[in-house]
Amino acid sequence: MVKNPIWHDVSPIEFASTRWKNCAIGHLGIEMVEAGDDFLKARMPVDERTRQPAGLLHGGASVVLAESLASCAAAFTIDRSRQHCVGLEINANHVRSVKEGYVVGVVTPLHIGRTTHIWHVMITDQQDRLVCVSRVTMAVLDNPAAPEGTSVG
């Protein structure tokens, strides 16, 4: 059990609901549904937006879900006025196919360092069966210095 939440500031759910709306994440129907002290949970529909031609959940859609969760989690463990995170590496093992309904991704930290983070993402179907497991490495970068007389952010 985590004694203190790992999140640096405001709720990741509120942030994601506005920030994810008009990008690939929103177009795939991904929505953040829960934030615990040390995890985030999002769900994604298995429909015409996320299926491959054979009618199964596209592995790339699972990877988008995993990286979206890890990116959001990483961003909420840092001071975003000073730093930002970018994806460095992702791997995914697809272990079960899904034809319809929703899949749920849960991200937890494996390592939160000064310059890198490693996040673990488990994606399950509506029967809580493992669909995909992913590990995402994020680089933590300093924001560029603002030219004199301006502000960053």
N, C-alpha and C. Protein backbone atom coordinates (compact mmCIF):
# COMPACT_ATOMS: atom_id res chain seq x y z
N MET A 1 0.84 -1.18 0.00
CA MET A 1 0.00 0.00 0.00
C MET A 1 0.88 1.25 0.00
N VAL A 2 0.56 2.18 -0.86
CA VAL A 2 1.31 3.43 -0.96
C VAL A 2 0.84 4.37 0.13
N LYS A 3 1.80 4.97 0.87
CA LYS A 3 1.43 5.86 1.97
C LYS A 3 0.97 7.23 1.47
N ASN A 4 1.62 7.74 0.41
CA ASN A 4 1.27 9.03 -0.16
C ASN A 4 1.06 8.86 -1.66
N PRO A 5 0.10 9.57 -2.21
CA PRO A 5 -0.07 9.48 -3.66
C PRO A 5 1.19 9.94 -4.38
N ILE A 6 1.45 9.34 -5.55
CA ILE A 6 2.63 9.72 -6.32
C ILE A 6 2.37 10.93 -7.20
N TRP A 7 1.13 11.36 -7.30
CA TRP A 7 0.77 12.44 -8.23
C TRP A 7 1.22 13.78 -7.68
N HIS A 8 1.79 14.58 -8.55
CA HIS A 8 2.37 15.87 -8.18
C HIS A 8 1.31 16.94 -7.91
N ASP A 9 0.23 16.95 -8.69
CA ASP A 9 -0.74 18.05 -8.55
C ASP A 9 -2.16 17.60 -8.89
N VAL A 10 -2.87 18.34 -9.70
CA VAL A 10 -4.29 18.13 -9.97
C VAL A 10 -4.61 16.72 -10.44
N SER A 11 -5.87 16.40 -10.44
CA SER A 11 -6.34 15.07 -10.78
C SER A 11 -6.02 14.70 -12.23
N PRO A 12 -5.37 13.56 -12.44
CA PRO A 12 -5.13 13.09 -13.81
C PRO A 12 -6.43 12.89 -14.59
N ILE A 13 -7.52 12.56 -13.92
CA ILE A 13 -8.79 12.33 -14.62
C ILE A 13 -9.29 13.63 -15.24
N GLU A 14 -9.28 14.72 -14.48
CA GLU A 14 -9.72 16.00 -15.02
C GLU A 14 -8.85 16.44 -16.19
N PHE A 15 -7.55 16.30 -16.03
CA PHE A 15 -6.60 16.67 -17.07
C PHE A 15 -6.84 15.87 -18.34
N ALA A 16 -6.94 14.55 -18.20
CA ALA A 16 -7.11 13.68 -19.36
C ALA A 16 -8.42 13.94 -20.08
N SER A 17 -9.48 14.23 -19.35
CA SER A 17 -10.78 14.40 -20.00
C SER A 17 -10.79 15.59 -20.94
N THR A 18 -9.99 16.62 -20.66
CA THR A 18 -9.92 17.76 -21.57
C THR A 18 -8.77 17.62 -22.56
N ARG A 19 -7.63 17.17 -22.11
CA ARG A 19 -6.42 17.11 -22.94
C ARG A 19 -6.51 16.02 -24.02
N TRP A 20 -7.19 14.91 -23.74
CA TRP A 20 -7.24 13.78 -24.66
C TRP A 20 -8.32 13.94 -25.73
N LYS A 21 -9.20 14.92 -25.58
CA LYS A 21 -10.39 15.03 -26.41
C LYS A 21 -10.09 15.10 -27.91
N ASN A 22 -9.19 15.96 -28.36
CA ASN A 22 -9.01 16.23 -29.78
C ASN A 22 -7.70 15.70 -30.35
N CYS A 23 -7.33 14.48 -29.96
CA CYS A 23 -6.12 13.86 -30.49
C CYS A 23 -6.40 12.38 -30.71
N ALA A 24 -5.38 11.61 -31.07
CA ALA A 24 -5.57 10.18 -31.35
C ALA A 24 -6.26 9.46 -30.19
N ILE A 25 -5.92 9.84 -28.98
CA ILE A 25 -6.49 9.18 -27.80
C ILE A 25 -8.01 9.33 -27.79
N GLY A 26 -8.47 10.55 -27.97
CA GLY A 26 -9.91 10.81 -28.00
C GLY A 26 -10.59 10.18 -29.20
N HIS A 27 -9.92 10.21 -30.36
CA HIS A 27 -10.51 9.63 -31.57
C HIS A 27 -10.72 8.12 -31.42
N LEU A 28 -9.89 7.47 -30.60
CA LEU A 28 -10.07 6.03 -30.36
C LEU A 28 -11.07 5.75 -29.25
N GLY A 29 -11.58 6.79 -28.62
CA GLY A 29 -12.59 6.62 -27.57
C GLY A 29 -12.02 6.27 -26.21
N ILE A 30 -10.73 6.49 -26.01
CA ILE A 30 -10.10 6.18 -24.73
C ILE A 30 -10.53 7.21 -23.69
N GLU A 31 -10.91 6.74 -22.52
CA GLU A 31 -11.29 7.65 -21.45
C GLU A 31 -10.71 7.18 -20.12
N MET A 32 -10.20 8.15 -19.35
CA MET A 32 -9.67 7.87 -18.02
C MET A 32 -10.86 7.63 -17.09
N VAL A 33 -10.78 6.56 -16.30
CA VAL A 33 -11.92 6.24 -15.44
C VAL A 33 -11.59 6.22 -13.95
N GLU A 34 -10.30 6.11 -13.60
CA GLU A 34 -9.97 6.04 -12.17
C GLU A 34 -8.52 6.43 -11.95
N ALA A 35 -8.28 7.09 -10.82
CA ALA A 35 -6.92 7.42 -10.39
C ALA A 35 -6.80 7.03 -8.93
N GLY A 36 -5.93 6.08 -8.64
CA GLY A 36 -5.65 5.69 -7.26
C GLY A 36 -4.38 6.37 -6.79
N ASP A 37 -3.90 6.02 -5.62
CA ASP A 37 -2.69 6.63 -5.08
C ASP A 37 -1.47 6.36 -5.95
N ASP A 38 -1.42 5.21 -6.62
CA ASP A 38 -0.25 4.87 -7.44
C ASP A 38 -0.63 4.16 -8.74
N PHE A 39 -1.84 4.40 -9.24
CA PHE A 39 -2.24 3.81 -10.52
C PHE A 39 -3.24 4.71 -11.22
N LEU A 40 -3.30 4.55 -12.54
CA LEU A 40 -4.34 5.17 -13.36
C LEU A 40 -5.03 4.06 -14.13
N LYS A 41 -6.32 4.24 -14.39
CA LYS A 41 -7.09 3.25 -15.13
C LYS A 41 -7.86 3.97 -16.23
N ALA A 42 -7.81 3.41 -17.44
CA ALA A 42 -8.57 3.96 -18.57
C ALA A 42 -9.23 2.81 -19.31
N ARG A 43 -10.27 3.13 -20.06
CA ARG A 43 -10.91 2.10 -20.86
C ARG A 43 -10.96 2.55 -22.31
N MET A 44 -11.04 1.56 -23.20
CA MET A 44 -11.08 1.82 -24.63
C MET A 44 -12.09 0.88 -25.26
N PRO A 45 -12.97 1.41 -26.12
CA PRO A 45 -13.93 0.53 -26.78
C PRO A 45 -13.26 -0.34 -27.84
N VAL A 46 -13.80 -1.52 -28.02
CA VAL A 46 -13.40 -2.37 -29.13
C VAL A 46 -14.52 -2.23 -30.16
N ASP A 47 -14.27 -1.37 -31.15
CA ASP A 47 -15.28 -1.06 -32.17
C ASP A 47 -14.57 -0.74 -33.48
N GLU A 48 -15.28 -0.14 -34.41
CA GLU A 48 -14.71 0.13 -35.74
C GLU A 48 -13.46 1.02 -35.69
N ARG A 49 -13.29 1.78 -34.62
CA ARG A 49 -12.10 2.64 -34.50
C ARG A 49 -10.87 1.87 -34.06
N THR A 50 -11.07 0.76 -33.37
CA THR A 50 -9.93 0.07 -32.74
C THR A 50 -9.73 -1.36 -33.23
N ARG A 51 -10.57 -1.82 -34.15
CA ARG A 51 -10.42 -3.18 -34.67
C ARG A 51 -9.56 -3.20 -35.93
N GLN A 52 -8.87 -4.33 -36.15
CA GLN A 52 -8.17 -4.56 -37.41
C GLN A 52 -9.14 -5.20 -38.40
N PRO A 53 -8.75 -5.36 -39.68
CA PRO A 53 -9.69 -5.87 -40.69
C PRO A 53 -10.34 -7.21 -40.38
N ALA A 54 -9.69 -8.06 -39.59
CA ALA A 54 -10.29 -9.36 -39.25
C ALA A 54 -11.32 -9.25 -38.13
N GLY A 55 -11.56 -8.05 -37.62
CA GLY A 55 -12.59 -7.85 -36.61
C GLY A 55 -12.12 -7.97 -35.17
N LEU A 56 -10.80 -8.07 -34.96
CA LEU A 56 -10.25 -8.19 -33.61
C LEU A 56 -9.62 -6.87 -33.19
N LEU A 57 -9.47 -6.67 -31.89
CA LEU A 57 -8.77 -5.50 -31.38
C LEU A 57 -7.40 -5.40 -32.03
N HIS A 58 -7.09 -4.27 -32.60
CA HIS A 58 -5.80 -4.03 -33.25
C HIS A 58 -4.72 -3.90 -32.18
N GLY A 59 -3.61 -4.61 -32.34
CA GLY A 59 -2.52 -4.52 -31.37
C GLY A 59 -2.00 -3.11 -31.22
N GLY A 60 -2.00 -2.35 -32.32
CA GLY A 60 -1.56 -0.96 -32.25
C GLY A 60 -2.46 -0.11 -31.37
N ALA A 61 -3.75 -0.42 -31.34
CA ALA A 61 -4.67 0.32 -30.47
C ALA A 61 -4.34 0.03 -29.01
N SER A 62 -3.99 -1.22 -28.71
CA SER A 62 -3.58 -1.55 -27.34
C SER A 62 -2.33 -0.77 -26.96
N VAL A 63 -1.40 -0.63 -27.89
CA VAL A 63 -0.17 0.11 -27.63
C VAL A 63 -0.48 1.60 -27.41
N VAL A 64 -1.42 2.15 -28.16
CA VAL A 64 -1.82 3.54 -27.94
C VAL A 64 -2.38 3.70 -26.53
N LEU A 65 -3.22 2.77 -26.10
CA LEU A 65 -3.77 2.82 -24.75
C LEU A 65 -2.66 2.76 -23.71
N ALA A 66 -1.72 1.83 -23.89
CA ALA A 66 -0.62 1.68 -22.92
C ALA A 66 0.24 2.93 -22.86
N GLU A 67 0.64 3.46 -24.01
CA GLU A 67 1.51 4.63 -23.98
C GLU A 67 0.77 5.87 -23.48
N SER A 68 -0.49 5.97 -23.78
CA SER A 68 -1.28 7.11 -23.27
C SER A 68 -1.35 7.09 -21.75
N LEU A 69 -1.59 5.92 -21.18
CA LEU A 69 -1.63 5.80 -19.72
C LEU A 69 -0.28 6.11 -19.09
N ALA A 70 0.79 5.54 -19.66
CA ALA A 70 2.12 5.76 -19.10
C ALA A 70 2.54 7.22 -19.23
N SER A 71 2.23 7.83 -20.36
CA SER A 71 2.59 9.24 -20.56
C SER A 71 1.86 10.14 -19.57
N CYS A 72 0.59 9.87 -19.38
CA CYS A 72 -0.18 10.67 -18.43
C CYS A 72 0.34 10.46 -17.01
N ALA A 73 0.59 9.21 -16.65
CA ALA A 73 1.11 8.92 -15.31
C ALA A 73 2.44 9.61 -15.08
N ALA A 74 3.34 9.51 -16.05
CA ALA A 74 4.65 10.14 -15.91
C ALA A 74 4.51 11.66 -15.74
N ALA A 75 3.63 12.25 -16.54
CA ALA A 75 3.44 13.70 -16.49
C ALA A 75 2.93 14.16 -15.13
N PHE A 76 2.23 13.29 -14.42
CA PHE A 76 1.66 13.69 -13.14
C PHE A 76 2.55 13.39 -11.95
N THR A 77 3.75 12.87 -12.20
CA THR A 77 4.70 12.65 -11.11
C THR A 77 5.82 13.69 -11.12
N ILE A 78 5.77 14.61 -12.08
CA ILE A 78 6.81 15.63 -12.21
C ILE A 78 6.21 17.02 -12.05
N ASP A 79 7.06 18.01 -11.91
CA ASP A 79 6.65 19.41 -11.93
C ASP A 79 6.64 19.84 -13.39
N ARG A 80 5.44 19.88 -14.01
CA ARG A 80 5.34 20.17 -15.44
C ARG A 80 5.74 21.60 -15.79
N SER A 81 5.89 22.47 -14.81
CA SER A 81 6.38 23.82 -15.12
C SER A 81 7.88 23.78 -15.40
N ARG A 82 8.56 22.72 -14.96
CA ARG A 82 10.01 22.61 -15.14
C ARG A 82 10.43 21.49 -16.09
N GLN A 83 9.60 20.45 -16.20
CA GLN A 83 9.98 19.28 -16.98
C GLN A 83 8.81 18.76 -17.80
N HIS A 84 9.13 17.89 -18.75
CA HIS A 84 8.11 17.16 -19.51
C HIS A 84 8.64 15.77 -19.79
N CYS A 85 7.74 14.87 -20.16
CA CYS A 85 8.11 13.48 -20.40
C CYS A 85 7.78 13.11 -21.85
N VAL A 86 8.64 12.29 -22.42
CA VAL A 86 8.41 11.77 -23.77
C VAL A 86 8.68 10.27 -23.77
N GLY A 87 7.98 9.57 -24.64
CA GLY A 87 8.18 8.13 -24.74
C GLY A 87 9.56 7.81 -25.28
N LEU A 88 10.22 6.85 -24.65
CA LEU A 88 11.56 6.43 -25.06
C LEU A 88 11.53 5.01 -25.65
N GLU A 89 10.71 4.14 -25.05
CA GLU A 89 10.61 2.75 -25.51
C GLU A 89 9.30 2.16 -25.03
N ILE A 90 8.72 1.30 -25.85
CA ILE A 90 7.52 0.58 -25.43
C ILE A 90 7.59 -0.83 -25.99
N ASN A 91 7.15 -1.79 -25.21
CA ASN A 91 6.98 -3.14 -25.74
C ASN A 91 5.62 -3.64 -25.30
N ALA A 92 5.10 -4.57 -26.04
CA ALA A 92 3.77 -5.10 -25.73
C ALA A 92 3.69 -6.55 -26.14
N ASN A 93 3.10 -7.35 -25.27
CA ASN A 93 2.79 -8.74 -25.58
C ASN A 93 1.28 -8.86 -25.65
N HIS A 94 0.78 -9.28 -26.80
CA HIS A 94 -0.66 -9.46 -27.01
C HIS A 94 -0.98 -10.92 -26.74
N VAL A 95 -1.79 -11.17 -25.72
CA VAL A 95 -2.01 -12.56 -25.28
C VAL A 95 -3.42 -13.08 -25.49
N ARG A 96 -4.37 -12.20 -25.78
CA ARG A 96 -5.75 -12.64 -25.99
C ARG A 96 -6.41 -11.67 -26.97
N SER A 97 -7.24 -12.21 -27.85
CA SER A 97 -7.97 -11.36 -28.78
C SER A 97 -9.30 -10.93 -28.16
N VAL A 98 -9.79 -9.79 -28.62
CA VAL A 98 -11.08 -9.26 -28.18
C VAL A 98 -11.83 -8.80 -29.42
N LYS A 99 -13.12 -9.11 -29.50
CA LYS A 99 -13.92 -8.73 -30.65
C LYS A 99 -14.86 -7.57 -30.39
N GLU A 100 -15.27 -7.38 -29.14
CA GLU A 100 -16.25 -6.32 -28.84
C GLU A 100 -16.18 -5.94 -27.38
N GLY A 101 -16.91 -4.91 -27.04
CA GLY A 101 -16.96 -4.44 -25.66
C GLY A 101 -15.90 -3.39 -25.38
N TYR A 102 -15.27 -3.50 -24.23
CA TYR A 102 -14.22 -2.58 -23.80
C TYR A 102 -13.03 -3.37 -23.31
N VAL A 103 -11.87 -2.74 -23.39
CA VAL A 103 -10.69 -3.23 -22.68
C VAL A 103 -10.32 -2.14 -21.67
N VAL A 104 -9.69 -2.57 -20.58
CA VAL A 104 -9.32 -1.66 -19.50
C VAL A 104 -7.82 -1.77 -19.28
N GLY A 105 -7.16 -0.62 -19.24
CA GLY A 105 -5.73 -0.58 -18.98
C GLY A 105 -5.46 0.02 -17.61
N VAL A 106 -4.53 -0.57 -16.89
CA VAL A 106 -4.11 -0.06 -15.58
C VAL A 106 -2.59 0.11 -15.62
N VAL A 107 -2.13 1.32 -15.29
CA VAL A 107 -0.70 1.61 -15.29
C VAL A 107 -0.22 1.80 -13.85
N THR A 108 0.93 1.20 -13.55
CA THR A 108 1.58 1.35 -12.24
C THR A 108 3.07 1.58 -12.48
N PRO A 109 3.73 2.25 -11.54
CA PRO A 109 5.16 2.52 -11.74
C PRO A 109 6.02 1.31 -11.38
N LEU A 110 7.04 1.09 -12.18
CA LEU A 110 8.09 0.14 -11.83
C LEU A 110 9.31 0.90 -11.32
N HIS A 111 9.55 2.09 -11.89
CA HIS A 111 10.69 2.93 -11.51
C HIS A 111 10.35 4.38 -11.83
N ILE A 112 10.48 5.25 -10.85
CA ILE A 112 10.31 6.68 -11.07
C ILE A 112 11.62 7.34 -10.68
N GLY A 113 12.43 7.60 -11.68
CA GLY A 113 13.74 8.20 -11.44
C GLY A 113 13.77 9.66 -11.84
N ARG A 114 14.95 10.25 -11.71
CA ARG A 114 15.13 11.66 -12.03
C ARG A 114 15.08 11.91 -13.54
N THR A 115 15.62 10.98 -14.35
CA THR A 115 15.66 11.18 -15.79
C THR A 115 14.89 10.15 -16.60
N THR A 116 14.48 9.05 -15.97
CA THR A 116 13.66 8.05 -16.65
C THR A 116 12.61 7.49 -15.70
N HIS A 117 11.52 7.06 -16.31
CA HIS A 117 10.47 6.33 -15.59
C HIS A 117 10.22 5.04 -16.37
N ILE A 118 9.86 4.00 -15.65
CA ILE A 118 9.42 2.76 -16.30
C ILE A 118 8.04 2.43 -15.73
N TRP A 119 7.08 2.24 -16.62
CA TRP A 119 5.68 2.00 -16.24
C TRP A 119 5.22 0.65 -16.76
N HIS A 120 4.40 -0.02 -15.97
CA HIS A 120 3.84 -1.33 -16.30
C HIS A 120 2.35 -1.15 -16.58
N VAL A 121 1.91 -1.66 -17.73
CA VAL A 121 0.49 -1.52 -18.11
C VAL A 121 -0.10 -2.90 -18.36
N MET A 122 -1.18 -3.19 -17.67
CA MET A 122 -1.94 -4.43 -17.86
C MET A 122 -3.26 -4.06 -18.52
N ILE A 123 -3.57 -4.69 -19.64
CA ILE A 123 -4.84 -4.45 -20.34
C ILE A 123 -5.65 -5.74 -20.27
N THR A 124 -6.87 -5.62 -19.79
CA THR A 124 -7.74 -6.78 -19.62
C THR A 124 -9.06 -6.56 -20.36
N ASP A 125 -9.79 -7.66 -20.58
CA ASP A 125 -11.12 -7.55 -21.19
C ASP A 125 -12.16 -7.38 -20.09
N GLN A 126 -13.41 -7.38 -20.48
CA GLN A 126 -14.49 -7.15 -19.51
C GLN A 126 -14.67 -8.31 -18.53
N GLN A 127 -14.07 -9.46 -18.83
CA GLN A 127 -14.10 -10.59 -17.90
C GLN A 127 -12.83 -10.64 -17.07
N ASP A 128 -12.05 -9.56 -17.10
CA ASP A 128 -10.80 -9.42 -16.34
C ASP A 128 -9.73 -10.42 -16.78
N ARG A 129 -9.77 -10.83 -18.05
CA ARG A 129 -8.75 -11.72 -18.61
C ARG A 129 -7.68 -10.87 -19.28
N LEU A 130 -6.43 -11.27 -19.13
CA LEU A 130 -5.32 -10.52 -19.69
C LEU A 130 -5.39 -10.50 -21.21
N VAL A 131 -5.31 -9.30 -21.78
CA VAL A 131 -5.32 -9.10 -23.23
C VAL A 131 -3.93 -8.70 -23.71
N CYS A 132 -3.28 -7.80 -22.96
CA CYS A 132 -1.98 -7.28 -23.36
C CYS A 132 -1.23 -6.82 -22.12
N VAL A 133 0.06 -7.04 -22.10
CA VAL A 133 0.91 -6.51 -21.04
C VAL A 133 1.99 -5.69 -21.73
N SER A 134 2.26 -4.52 -21.19
CA SER A 134 3.19 -3.59 -21.82
C SER A 134 4.10 -2.96 -20.78
N ARG A 135 5.30 -2.62 -21.21
CA ARG A 135 6.23 -1.85 -20.39
C ARG A 135 6.62 -0.62 -21.19
N VAL A 136 6.52 0.54 -20.57
CA VAL A 136 6.80 1.81 -21.25
C VAL A 136 7.88 2.56 -20.48
N THR A 137 8.93 2.95 -21.20
CA THR A 137 10.00 3.77 -20.61
C THR A 137 9.82 5.20 -21.09
N MET A 138 9.80 6.12 -20.15
CA MET A 138 9.64 7.54 -20.44
C MET A 138 10.92 8.28 -20.09
N ALA A 139 11.32 9.22 -20.94
CA ALA A 139 12.44 10.11 -20.64
C ALA A 139 11.87 11.37 -19.99
N VAL A 140 12.52 11.83 -18.93
CA VAL A 140 12.13 13.06 -18.25
C VAL A 140 13.11 14.14 -18.69
N LEU A 141 12.59 15.16 -19.37
CA LEU A 141 13.42 16.22 -19.94
C LEU A 141 13.10 17.56 -19.30
N ASP A 142 14.12 18.39 -19.18
CA ASP A 142 13.90 19.75 -18.70
C ASP A 142 13.24 20.57 -19.79
N ASN A 143 12.33 21.45 -19.39
CA ASN A 143 11.72 22.36 -20.36
C ASN A 143 12.79 23.33 -20.84
N PRO A 144 12.69 23.76 -22.08
CA PRO A 144 13.68 24.75 -22.56
C PRO A 144 13.55 26.04 -21.77
N ALA A 145 14.66 26.72 -21.60
CA ALA A 145 14.63 28.01 -20.91
C ALA A 145 13.87 29.00 -21.75
N ALA A 146 13.06 29.80 -21.10
CA ALA A 146 12.30 30.83 -21.80
C ALA A 146 13.19 32.02 -22.12
N PRO A 147 13.04 32.62 -23.30
CA PRO A 147 13.80 33.84 -23.59
C PRO A 147 13.47 34.90 -22.55
N GLU A 148 14.41 35.73 -22.27
CA GLU A 148 14.22 36.75 -21.25
C GLU A 148 12.97 37.59 -21.54
N GLY A 149 12.19 37.81 -20.49
CA GLY A 149 10.98 38.60 -20.65
C GLY A 149 9.75 37.80 -21.01
N THR A 150 9.90 36.47 -21.16
CA THR A 150 8.75 35.61 -21.46
C THR A 150 8.66 34.54 -20.40
N SER A 151 7.58 33.81 -20.43
CA SER A 151 7.42 32.71 -19.47
C SER A 151 7.08 31.44 -20.22
N VAL A 152 7.46 30.31 -19.66
CA VAL A 152 7.14 29.02 -20.21
C VAL A 152 5.84 28.54 -19.57
N GLY A 153 4.95 28.00 -20.36
CA GLY A 153 3.74 27.42 -19.80
C GLY A 153 2.60 28.23 -20.07
